[in-house]
Amino acid sequence: MLKSALNYSMAQRLLIHTLGKYNFLLWDRLKKGFLLY
């Protein structure tokens, strides 16, 4: 039980990290797009 909970928290952290990275890239692209207008 404890082990699966640990795996879940690690997976959650990895997911948040990945989403954060994609979000940053998306935001960077949006800002560059706005600068082009």
Protein backbone atom coordinates (compact mmCIF):
# COMPACT_ATOMS: atom_id res chain seq x y z
CA MET A 1 0.00 0.00 0.00
CA LEU A 2 2.71 2.47 1.02
CA LYS A 3 4.80 1.57 -2.01
CA SER A 4 1.95 2.19 -4.44
CA ALA A 5 1.24 5.52 -2.75
CA LEU A 6 4.90 6.48 -3.17
CA ASN A 7 4.81 5.49 -6.84
CA TYR A 8 1.64 7.56 -7.27
CA SER A 9 3.21 10.68 -5.75
CA MET A 10 6.31 10.25 -7.93
CA ALA A 11 4.19 9.84 -11.05
CA GLN A 12 2.15 12.89 -10.07
CA ARG A 13 5.31 14.96 -9.59
CA LEU A 14 6.66 13.82 -12.96
CA LEU A 15 3.36 14.69 -14.62
CA ILE A 16 3.33 18.16 -13.05
CA HIS A 17 6.95 18.71 -14.10
CA THR A 18 6.20 17.65 -17.68
CA LEU A 19 3.08 19.79 -17.85
CA GLY A 20 5.01 22.73 -16.48
CA LYS A 21 7.67 22.33 -19.14
CA TYR A 22 5.10 22.14 -21.95
CA ASN A 23 3.20 25.07 -20.46
CA PHE A 24 6.39 27.14 -20.43
CA LEU A 25 7.15 26.30 -24.07
CA LEU A 26 3.58 27.12 -25.06
CA TRP A 27 3.68 30.43 -23.19
CA ASP A 28 7.05 31.29 -24.75
CA ARG A 29 5.64 30.62 -28.21
CA LEU A 30 2.56 32.71 -27.43
CA LYS A 31 4.67 35.65 -26.27
CA LYS A 32 6.82 35.45 -29.41
CA GLY A 33 3.67 35.28 -31.49
CA PHE A 34 2.31 38.42 -29.84
CA LEU A 35 5.61 40.20 -30.44
CA LEU A 36 5.31 39.43 -34.15
CA TYR A 37 1.95 41.19 -34.48
